[in-house]
Amino acid sequence: MTILWAEQALLAGGWAEAVRVEVDDAGRIAGVQSGAAPQGDRHAILLPAPANLHSHAFQRAMAGLTERRGPDPRDSFWTWRQLMYRFLDRLTPDDVEAIAAFVQMEMLEAGYACNVEFHYLHHRPGGLPHDDPAEMSARIAAAARTSGIGLTLLPVLYQFGGCDRRPLGAGQIRFGNDPDGFARLVEGARAALAGLPADTRLGVAPHSLRAVTPEGLAAAIALGDGPIHMHLAEQTAEVEEVLAARGARPTRWLLDHAPVDGRWCLIHCTQMDPAETLDLAASGAVAGLCPITESSLGDGIFDGVRFLGAGGRFGVGSDSNIRIALSEELRTLEYSQRLRDRSRAALATADRSTGRVLFEGAAAGGAQAAGRAAGAIAPGAWADLVALDGGAVDLQGRKGDAILDAWIFAGDDRMVRDVWAAGRHLVQDGHHIAREAITRRYARACAGLRDAL
């Protein structure tokens, strides 16, 4: 049994002082008591650590390399995607493992306890499968073994290059599977995860309505009972393509033709109309938001005010991993609402500050999207915890919601002091316990890749 004690902690029922948290040897919270005498491992501020609900780990090695305008006079998501395809064609399994471990380390140091990996880089360059079709999934699992992060792995089904069922292009060929091949891949991924801790989860990710057929979508949904994630309504061109091919906008088509419920996480949703926004909120699915990447790629602005006002659930992820920063994802989400509506404190409620709405929403929604019994400091939950540095100048003397407001809007992730994933104490005094070795391997992997762009 590990004993943690905090001067202040955000519990499932709200803020409390002098909090004792007992973590059992399996990594679950065994007990929580407020008003307790100081004992054990002492901290100033203790919070539930969210899951990062959407990541393409390999894209981290591209960060900072796509900020020049391409040959198209109007750069966009689609021109960026062509650069990404050129880059990934160079990646080996060793590269992917090294990059993923570095990404997971940065997530932990930012305050996340879990990596939900939307994993679609399956095959060799040219599209030939590896001898083990789940080789790349096994490399994500190996990275998690190195970093210690909680892992929810989502192998991606990617069938076609568009709604017209055109073959995958050269940049996409490493992603491709038919439903039968995908089922074998999922079973291989399950075997690859077998040696990881008990908090590890496996789900599936039909990539998007452009890339999977209705039959492929149904086949993917039928594989197991874990989380189901899908890109949805990210770009106007995607909306127009799906509308032309299927007679409905992406969100409307999915809600009408798939059993969307609490197992689902729909990623981005930046191109929804008001009725779709309200109906998605009512479904119980999580909206998976990636505000830094959505800003980088010019995707658009999620209608957070309407969605949260209708009781919708959300979480955040780092997607392209151009910058892995939990506080900045939350800040960018709120600021996007303010810029669009010319308002302030857009997501705050009468009884909770903006920072608290953002943080509690991300913790609960991220846990749901990860299929992970976490998201709150409560008995029975995995001990996914983050301790902030109470000595940080902007946190000194702060109490309750003001702590979260200061971290998200006045500070940054340098305020993160310690992080536990299912009780594993992986970040100590602001640094991952294996930072040097993980960083060294990442640097070696990147050295031969960056000329690709």
Protein backbone atom coordinates (compact mmCIF):
# COMPACT_ATOMS: atom_id res chain seq x y z
CA MET A 1 0.00 0.00 0.00
CA THR A 2 1.24 3.48 -0.94
CA ILE A 3 0.05 6.50 1.03
CA LEU A 4 -0.18 9.92 -0.63
CA TRP A 5 -1.19 13.06 1.25
CA ALA A 6 -2.10 16.43 -0.23
CA GLU A 7 -2.80 19.84 1.24
CA GLN A 8 -5.57 20.19 -1.37
CA ALA A 9 -7.08 17.62 -3.73
CA LEU A 10 -9.83 17.67 -6.32
CA LEU A 11 -12.00 14.68 -5.40
CA ALA A 12 -15.03 13.24 -7.16
CA GLY A 13 -17.27 15.43 -4.99
CA GLY A 14 -15.19 18.59 -5.21
CA TRP A 15 -12.23 20.18 -3.48
CA ALA A 16 -11.03 18.91 -0.12
CA GLU A 17 -8.16 19.70 2.23
CA ALA A 18 -5.64 17.50 4.05
CA VAL A 19 -6.44 14.49 1.86
CA ARG A 20 -5.01 11.01 2.37
CA VAL A 21 -5.12 8.71 -0.67
CA GLU A 22 -4.35 5.01 -0.32
CA VAL A 23 -3.12 3.21 -3.46
CA ASP A 24 -3.09 -0.59 -3.37
CA ASP A 25 -0.42 -2.79 -4.92
CA ALA A 26 -2.58 -3.32 -8.03
CA GLY A 27 -2.53 0.42 -8.76
CA ARG A 28 -6.09 1.23 -7.71
CA ILE A 29 -7.24 3.79 -5.17
CA ALA A 30 -8.20 1.86 -2.06
CA GLY A 31 -9.32 4.74 0.12
CA VAL A 32 -9.71 8.52 0.26
CA GLN A 33 -9.97 10.56 3.47
CA SER A 34 -10.09 14.33 3.91
CA GLY A 35 -9.05 16.09 7.09
CA ALA A 36 -6.25 13.55 7.61
CA ALA A 37 -2.98 14.11 9.41
CA PRO A 38 0.08 14.51 7.12
CA GLN A 39 1.74 11.20 6.32
CA GLY A 40 3.30 9.24 3.48
CA ASP A 41 4.35 10.94 0.24
CA ARG A 42 3.32 14.60 0.73
CA HIS A 43 2.18 17.01 -1.98
CA ALA A 44 0.62 20.46 -2.21
CA ILE A 45 -2.04 19.85 -4.90
CA LEU A 46 -3.35 16.51 -6.15
CA LEU A 47 -5.63 16.06 -9.17
CA PRO A 48 -6.92 13.17 -11.26
CA ALA A 49 -4.66 12.77 -14.31
CA PRO A 50 -6.56 12.77 -17.61
CA ALA A 51 -6.09 10.43 -20.56
CA ASN A 52 -4.75 11.83 -23.83
CA LEU A 53 -7.57 10.49 -25.98
CA HIS A 54 -6.17 10.92 -29.49
CA SER A 55 -2.61 10.49 -30.74
CA HIS A 56 -0.77 9.53 -33.91
CA ALA A 57 2.57 9.02 -32.20
CA PHE A 58 4.81 8.92 -35.28
CA GLN A 59 3.83 12.45 -36.30
CA ARG A 60 5.76 13.84 -33.30
CA ALA A 61 8.95 13.52 -35.35
CA MET A 62 7.46 15.97 -37.90
CA ALA A 63 6.88 18.74 -35.36
CA GLY A 64 8.16 22.08 -36.59
CA LEU A 65 8.96 20.78 -40.08
CA THR A 66 5.76 21.72 -41.94
CA GLU A 67 5.55 25.47 -41.38
CA ARG A 68 6.69 26.53 -44.84
CA ARG A 69 4.14 27.07 -47.55
CA GLY A 70 4.00 24.25 -50.08
CA PRO A 71 3.62 24.54 -53.87
CA ASP A 72 -0.14 25.10 -53.47
CA PRO A 73 -0.69 28.86 -53.03
CA ARG A 74 -3.25 28.09 -50.33
CA ASP A 75 -1.79 25.65 -47.82
CA SER A 76 -4.35 23.48 -46.01
CA PHE A 77 -4.91 20.23 -44.17
CA TRP A 78 -4.78 18.43 -47.51
CA THR A 79 -1.36 19.80 -48.50
CA TRP A 80 -0.06 19.05 -44.99
CA ARG A 81 -1.31 15.48 -45.40
CA GLN A 82 0.84 14.99 -48.50
CA LEU A 83 3.92 16.00 -46.51
CA MET A 84 2.94 13.58 -43.77
CA TYR A 85 2.66 10.73 -46.28
CA ARG A 86 6.16 11.42 -47.60
CA PHE A 87 7.51 11.38 -44.06
CA LEU A 88 5.90 8.17 -42.85
CA ASP A 89 7.19 6.24 -45.85
CA ARG A 90 10.64 6.36 -44.22
CA LEU A 91 9.60 4.97 -40.82
CA THR A 92 10.85 1.59 -39.62
CA PRO A 93 9.44 -0.40 -36.68
CA ASP A 94 12.43 0.69 -34.56
CA ASP A 95 11.71 4.33 -35.42
CA VAL A 96 8.05 3.99 -34.46
CA GLU A 97 8.89 2.43 -31.10
CA ALA A 98 11.44 5.13 -30.26
CA ILE A 99 9.11 7.96 -31.29
CA ALA A 100 6.14 6.47 -29.42
CA ALA A 101 8.12 6.10 -26.19
CA PHE A 102 9.20 9.75 -26.44
CA VAL A 103 5.62 10.88 -27.10
CA GLN A 104 4.37 8.90 -24.11
CA MET A 105 7.09 10.37 -21.91
CA GLU A 106 6.09 13.88 -22.95
CA MET A 107 2.44 13.08 -22.27
CA LEU A 108 3.29 11.95 -18.76
CA GLU A 109 5.39 15.05 -18.10
CA ALA A 110 2.45 17.19 -19.30
CA GLY A 111 0.11 15.56 -16.77
CA TYR A 112 -1.56 12.81 -18.78
CA ALA A 113 -1.64 9.27 -17.34
CA CYS A 114 -2.86 7.38 -20.42
CA ASN A 115 -2.11 7.36 -24.14
CA VAL A 116 -5.03 6.46 -26.43
CA GLU A 117 -3.17 5.62 -29.62
CA PHE A 118 -5.15 5.86 -32.87
CA HIS A 119 -2.77 3.53 -34.65
CA TYR A 120 -2.92 3.23 -38.43
CA LEU A 121 0.68 2.73 -39.56
CA HIS A 122 0.50 -1.07 -39.98
CA HIS A 123 2.56 -2.26 -42.98
CA ARG A 124 5.94 -1.93 -44.66
CA PRO A 125 6.60 0.81 -47.24
CA GLY A 126 4.76 -0.29 -50.36
CA GLY A 127 1.97 -1.86 -48.34
CA LEU A 128 3.34 -5.36 -47.80
CA PRO A 129 2.45 -6.72 -44.35
CA HIS A 130 5.17 -7.47 -41.84
CA ASP A 131 5.73 -11.16 -41.07
CA ASP A 132 3.64 -10.46 -37.98
CA PRO A 133 0.76 -8.26 -39.23
CA ALA A 134 0.61 -6.66 -35.78
CA GLU A 135 4.33 -5.82 -35.68
CA MET A 136 3.70 -2.08 -35.47
CA SER A 137 1.06 -2.53 -32.76
CA ALA A 138 3.61 -4.54 -30.82
CA ARG A 139 6.03 -1.61 -31.11
CA ILE A 140 3.46 0.75 -29.55
CA ALA A 141 3.05 -1.78 -26.75
CA ALA A 142 6.84 -1.99 -26.32
CA ALA A 143 7.01 1.80 -26.05
CA ALA A 144 4.38 1.72 -23.30
CA ARG A 145 6.41 -0.90 -21.47
CA THR A 146 9.36 1.51 -21.56
CA SER A 147 7.46 4.67 -20.59
CA GLY A 148 5.05 3.04 -18.13
CA ILE A 149 2.08 5.05 -19.38
CA GLY A 150 -1.40 3.59 -19.38
CA LEU A 151 -2.23 2.46 -22.91
CA THR A 152 -5.46 2.11 -24.84
CA LEU A 153 -4.48 0.84 -28.29
CA LEU A 154 -6.85 1.43 -31.19
CA PRO A 155 -5.82 -0.37 -34.39
CA VAL A 156 -7.32 1.51 -37.33
CA LEU A 157 -9.36 0.06 -40.17
CA TYR A 158 -8.55 1.99 -43.37
CA GLN A 159 -10.03 0.49 -46.56
CA PHE A 160 -10.28 3.11 -49.30
CA GLY A 161 -9.04 6.53 -50.35
CA GLY A 162 -12.49 8.11 -50.41
CA CYS A 163 -16.23 7.55 -50.45
CA ASP A 164 -16.00 6.47 -54.10
CA ARG A 165 -13.96 3.46 -52.90
CA ARG A 166 -10.90 4.45 -54.89
CA PRO A 167 -7.76 2.45 -54.04
CA LEU A 168 -5.43 3.77 -51.42
CA GLY A 169 -2.78 6.11 -52.77
CA ALA A 170 0.95 5.66 -52.35
CA GLY A 171 0.97 7.60 -49.08
CA GLN A 172 -1.89 5.57 -47.60
CA ILE A 173 -0.91 2.07 -48.65
CA ARG A 174 0.80 1.32 -45.34
CA PHE A 175 -2.55 1.81 -43.57
CA GLY A 176 -4.75 -0.48 -45.63
CA ASN A 177 -6.74 -3.54 -44.59
CA ASP A 178 -9.94 -5.27 -45.55
CA PRO A 179 -12.25 -6.36 -42.71
CA ASP A 180 -10.84 -9.90 -42.56
CA GLY A 181 -7.25 -8.71 -42.45
CA PHE A 182 -8.21 -6.14 -39.86
CA ALA A 183 -9.77 -8.79 -37.63
CA ARG A 184 -6.49 -10.73 -37.72
CA LEU A 185 -4.58 -7.53 -36.96
CA VAL A 186 -6.77 -6.84 -33.92
CA GLU A 187 -6.13 -10.33 -32.58
CA GLY A 188 -2.41 -9.83 -33.10
CA ALA A 189 -2.59 -6.52 -31.24
CA ARG A 190 -4.41 -8.25 -28.40
CA ALA A 191 -1.56 -10.73 -28.10
CA ALA A 192 0.99 -7.89 -28.19
CA LEU A 193 -0.72 -6.22 -25.24
CA ALA A 194 -0.85 -9.37 -23.14
CA GLY A 195 2.37 -8.61 -21.25
CA LEU A 196 1.41 -5.05 -20.25
CA PRO A 197 -0.18 -4.06 -16.93
CA ALA A 198 -3.82 -4.76 -16.12
CA ASP A 199 -4.96 -1.19 -16.91
CA THR A 200 -4.14 -1.69 -20.64
CA ARG A 201 -7.13 -1.67 -23.00
CA LEU A 202 -7.78 -2.57 -26.66
CA GLY A 203 -10.38 -0.96 -28.88
CA VAL A 204 -10.90 -0.31 -32.58
CA ALA A 205 -10.89 2.74 -34.82
CA PRO A 206 -12.70 2.74 -38.16
CA HIS A 207 -10.74 5.66 -39.55
CA SER A 208 -13.48 7.84 -41.03
CA LEU A 209 -16.55 7.66 -43.21
CA ARG A 210 -14.31 8.44 -46.19
CA ALA A 211 -12.03 5.48 -45.52
CA VAL A 212 -14.43 2.71 -44.44
CA THR A 213 -17.55 1.32 -46.06
CA PRO A 214 -20.79 0.82 -44.12
CA GLU A 215 -20.03 -2.91 -44.13
CA GLY A 216 -16.48 -2.31 -42.91
CA LEU A 217 -17.77 -0.06 -40.17
CA ALA A 218 -20.18 -2.75 -38.97
CA ALA A 219 -17.44 -5.38 -39.02
CA ALA A 220 -15.12 -3.18 -36.95
CA ILE A 221 -17.83 -2.41 -34.41
CA ALA A 222 -18.41 -6.14 -33.92
CA LEU A 223 -14.81 -6.78 -32.84
CA GLY A 224 -14.87 -6.91 -29.05
CA ASP A 225 -16.44 -4.60 -26.50
CA GLY A 226 -13.75 -1.93 -26.10
CA PRO A 227 -13.77 1.72 -27.13
CA ILE A 228 -14.66 2.73 -30.69
CA HIS A 229 -13.06 5.88 -32.08
CA MET A 230 -13.51 7.58 -35.46
CA HIS A 231 -12.49 10.83 -37.12
CA LEU A 232 -15.69 12.74 -37.86
CA ALA A 233 -16.60 16.04 -39.54
CA GLU A 234 -13.10 17.52 -39.37
CA GLN A 235 -12.95 19.31 -42.74
CA THR A 236 -15.51 20.98 -45.00
CA ALA A 237 -14.28 18.90 -47.96
CA GLU A 238 -14.99 15.75 -45.95
CA VAL A 239 -18.53 16.95 -45.17
CA GLU A 240 -19.18 17.66 -48.85
CA GLU A 241 -17.80 14.30 -49.96
CA VAL A 242 -19.86 12.28 -47.49
CA LEU A 243 -22.99 14.31 -48.22
CA ALA A 244 -22.62 13.68 -51.95
CA ALA A 245 -21.92 9.97 -51.53
CA ARG A 246 -24.29 9.03 -48.71
CA GLY A 247 -26.98 11.68 -48.81
CA ALA A 248 -26.25 13.06 -45.35
CA ARG A 249 -23.58 15.00 -43.54
CA PRO A 250 -21.06 12.82 -41.64
CA THR A 251 -22.40 13.30 -38.11
CA ARG A 252 -26.02 12.88 -39.19
CA TRP A 253 -25.21 9.77 -41.21
CA LEU A 254 -23.31 8.14 -38.36
CA LEU A 255 -25.96 8.88 -35.75
CA ASP A 256 -28.63 7.46 -38.07
CA HIS A 257 -26.73 4.32 -39.12
CA ALA A 258 -24.51 3.24 -36.22
CA PRO A 259 -25.20 2.39 -32.55
CA VAL A 260 -23.41 5.46 -31.21
CA ASP A 261 -23.30 5.41 -27.41
CA GLY A 262 -20.88 5.77 -24.52
CA ARG A 263 -18.34 3.38 -26.12
CA TRP A 264 -17.75 5.87 -28.91
CA CYS A 265 -15.37 8.79 -29.20
CA LEU A 266 -15.76 10.99 -32.28
CA ILE A 267 -12.64 12.95 -33.06
CA HIS A 268 -12.64 16.67 -33.99
CA CYS A 269 -16.32 17.29 -34.93
CA THR A 270 -15.38 20.82 -35.97
CA GLN A 271 -17.84 20.85 -38.89
CA MET A 272 -21.21 20.08 -37.28
CA ASP A 273 -24.44 22.05 -37.53
CA PRO A 274 -26.39 22.94 -34.35
CA ALA A 275 -28.81 20.01 -34.57
CA GLU A 276 -25.95 17.54 -35.05
CA THR A 277 -24.15 19.07 -32.07
CA LEU A 278 -27.16 18.59 -29.81
CA ASP A 279 -27.82 15.06 -31.02
CA LEU A 280 -24.20 14.01 -30.55
CA ALA A 281 -24.33 15.38 -27.00
CA ALA A 282 -27.47 13.32 -26.33
CA SER A 283 -25.85 10.12 -27.62
CA GLY A 284 -23.49 9.79 -24.64
CA ALA A 285 -20.44 9.60 -26.93
CA VAL A 286 -17.33 11.62 -26.17
CA ALA A 287 -16.24 14.43 -28.46
CA GLY A 288 -12.48 13.97 -28.83
CA LEU A 289 -11.03 17.45 -29.21
CA CYS A 290 -7.47 18.29 -30.24
CA PRO A 291 -7.40 22.09 -30.13
CA ILE A 292 -3.67 22.56 -30.80
CA THR A 293 -3.70 20.33 -33.89
CA GLU A 294 -7.07 21.71 -35.03
CA SER A 295 -5.54 25.19 -34.83
CA SER A 296 -2.37 24.07 -36.63
CA LEU A 297 -4.30 22.50 -39.50
CA GLY A 298 -7.03 25.13 -39.73
CA ASP A 299 -9.77 22.58 -39.09
CA GLY A 300 -12.28 24.95 -37.54
CA ILE A 301 -13.79 25.51 -34.09
CA PHE A 302 -15.79 22.92 -32.17
CA ASP A 303 -19.10 24.28 -30.86
CA GLY A 304 -18.18 23.69 -27.24
CA VAL A 305 -20.66 26.14 -25.71
CA ARG A 306 -23.65 24.46 -27.33
CA PHE A 307 -22.29 20.93 -26.79
CA LEU A 308 -21.47 21.34 -23.10
CA GLY A 309 -24.68 23.27 -22.54
CA ALA A 310 -26.55 20.16 -23.73
CA GLY A 311 -24.63 17.91 -21.34
CA GLY A 312 -22.13 16.66 -23.89
CA ARG A 313 -18.98 14.83 -22.82
CA PHE A 314 -15.53 15.74 -24.11
CA GLY A 315 -11.85 15.01 -23.69
CA VAL A 316 -8.64 16.27 -25.26
CA GLY A 317 -5.82 14.69 -27.20
CA SER A 318 -2.61 15.79 -28.87
CA ASP A 319 -3.35 14.22 -32.31
CA SER A 320 -0.38 15.25 -34.51
CA ASN A 321 1.74 15.78 -31.38
CA ILE A 322 3.09 19.02 -32.80
CA ARG A 323 3.03 20.16 -29.17
CA ILE A 324 2.15 17.96 -26.21
CA ALA A 325 0.77 20.29 -23.55
CA LEU A 326 -2.30 19.46 -21.46
CA SER A 327 -2.83 22.96 -20.07
CA GLU A 328 -2.45 24.46 -23.55
CA GLU A 329 -5.00 22.10 -25.09
CA LEU A 330 -7.54 23.22 -22.49
CA ARG A 331 -6.63 26.89 -22.82
CA THR A 332 -6.86 26.75 -26.61
CA LEU A 333 -10.28 25.10 -26.41
CA GLU A 334 -11.63 27.90 -24.22
CA TYR A 335 -9.98 30.69 -26.19
CA SER A 336 -11.41 29.37 -29.45
CA GLN A 337 -14.90 29.76 -28.00
CA ARG A 338 -14.13 33.30 -26.82
CA LEU A 339 -12.72 34.34 -30.20
CA ARG A 340 -15.68 32.95 -32.10
CA ASP A 341 -18.34 34.43 -29.80
CA ARG A 342 -16.44 37.54 -28.62
CA SER A 343 -17.05 36.47 -25.04
CA ARG A 344 -15.19 35.61 -21.84
CA ALA A 345 -15.39 32.59 -19.52
CA ALA A 346 -17.31 30.89 -22.29
CA LEU A 347 -17.46 27.41 -20.72
CA ALA A 348 -17.71 28.41 -17.06
CA THR A 349 -20.90 27.66 -15.13
CA ALA A 350 -22.57 29.33 -12.15
CA ASP A 351 -20.78 27.05 -9.69
CA ARG A 352 -17.57 26.04 -11.50
CA SER A 353 -14.83 28.21 -12.97
CA THR A 354 -13.63 27.88 -16.55
CA GLY A 355 -10.54 25.95 -15.50
CA ARG A 356 -12.53 23.48 -13.46
CA VAL A 357 -15.10 22.86 -16.21
CA LEU A 358 -12.27 22.22 -18.66
CA PHE A 359 -10.19 20.02 -16.38
CA GLU A 360 -12.98 17.90 -14.87
CA GLY A 361 -14.55 17.46 -18.30
CA ALA A 362 -11.25 16.32 -19.82
CA ALA A 363 -10.57 13.93 -16.93
CA ALA A 364 -14.00 12.28 -17.05
CA GLY A 365 -14.35 12.27 -20.82
CA GLY A 366 -10.81 11.06 -21.40
CA ALA A 367 -11.32 8.14 -19.04
CA GLN A 368 -14.56 7.19 -20.79
CA ALA A 369 -12.94 7.43 -24.22
CA ALA A 370 -10.02 5.28 -23.05
CA GLY A 371 -12.33 2.64 -21.59
CA ARG A 372 -10.42 3.26 -18.37
CA ALA A 373 -11.80 3.20 -14.82
CA ALA A 374 -10.20 6.53 -13.94
CA GLY A 375 -10.88 10.26 -14.23
CA ALA A 376 -11.57 10.90 -10.55
CA ILE A 377 -9.86 10.46 -7.19
CA ALA A 378 -12.25 7.89 -5.81
CA PRO A 379 -12.05 4.37 -4.33
CA GLY A 380 -11.85 1.67 -7.00
CA ALA A 381 -10.48 3.93 -9.71
CA TRP A 382 -7.03 3.46 -11.18
CA ALA A 383 -4.59 5.75 -9.39
CA ASP A 384 -4.09 8.13 -12.32
CA LEU A 385 -2.88 11.19 -10.45
CA VAL A 386 -1.03 14.45 -11.08
CA ALA A 387 0.55 16.62 -8.41
CA LEU A 388 1.15 20.30 -9.15
CA ASP A 389 4.01 22.34 -7.75
CA GLY A 390 2.47 24.38 -4.94
CA GLY A 391 5.63 26.49 -4.87
CA ALA A 392 5.07 27.79 -8.42
CA VAL A 393 4.65 31.55 -8.13
CA ASP A 394 1.22 31.58 -9.79
CA LEU A 395 -0.09 28.80 -7.52
CA GLN A 396 1.09 30.16 -4.19
CA GLY A 397 -1.87 30.91 -1.93
CA ARG A 398 -4.43 29.67 -4.47
CA LYS A 399 -7.27 27.44 -3.37
CA GLY A 400 -9.96 25.42 -5.14
CA ASP A 401 -10.92 26.37 -8.67
CA ALA A 402 -8.40 29.23 -8.67
CA ILE A 403 -5.65 26.58 -8.81
CA LEU A 404 -6.91 25.20 -12.11
CA ASP A 405 -7.52 28.68 -13.53
CA ALA A 406 -3.96 29.70 -12.69
CA TRP A 407 -2.43 26.53 -14.14
CA ILE A 408 -4.40 26.62 -17.39
CA PHE A 409 -4.50 30.37 -18.06
CA ALA A 410 -1.44 31.80 -16.28
CA GLY A 411 0.95 28.85 -16.21
CA ASP A 412 1.96 25.84 -18.23
CA ASP A 413 2.94 22.22 -17.78
CA ARG A 414 6.14 23.18 -15.94
CA MET A 415 3.80 23.26 -12.94
CA VAL A 416 3.40 19.47 -13.20
CA ARG A 417 5.58 17.94 -10.49
CA ASP A 418 4.61 14.26 -10.19
CA VAL A 419 2.44 11.86 -12.22
CA TRP A 420 1.21 8.37 -11.49
CA ALA A 421 -0.40 6.00 -14.04
CA ALA A 422 -2.33 3.23 -12.28
CA GLY A 423 -0.12 3.82 -9.25
CA ARG A 424 3.16 3.77 -11.21
CA HIS A 425 5.13 6.85 -10.11
CA LEU A 426 6.60 7.83 -13.49
CA VAL A 427 7.19 11.58 -13.26
CA GLN A 428 9.10 12.79 -10.22
CA ASP A 429 10.10 16.41 -9.63
CA GLY A 430 8.90 17.27 -13.14
CA HIS A 431 10.91 14.67 -15.06
CA HIS A 432 10.16 11.19 -16.32
CA ILE A 433 12.20 8.56 -14.52
CA ALA A 434 13.70 7.30 -17.82
CA ARG A 435 13.92 10.65 -19.62
CA GLU A 436 17.58 10.44 -20.60
CA ALA A 437 17.45 7.01 -22.22
CA ILE A 438 14.13 7.63 -24.00
CA THR A 439 15.31 10.99 -25.35
CA ARG A 440 18.62 9.59 -26.56
CA ARG A 441 16.87 6.85 -28.53
CA TYR A 442 14.36 9.31 -30.00
CA ALA A 443 17.16 11.62 -31.16
CA ARG A 444 18.90 8.74 -32.92
CA ALA A 445 15.68 7.76 -34.70
CA CYS A 446 15.01 11.32 -35.86
CA ALA A 447 18.50 11.95 -37.16
CA GLY A 448 17.86 10.01 -40.36
CA LEU A 449 14.26 11.07 -40.91
CA ARG A 450 14.06 14.80 -41.20
CA ASP A 451 15.56 15.06 -44.65
CA ALA A 452 12.40 13.34 -45.89
CA LEU A 453 10.55 16.65 -45.85
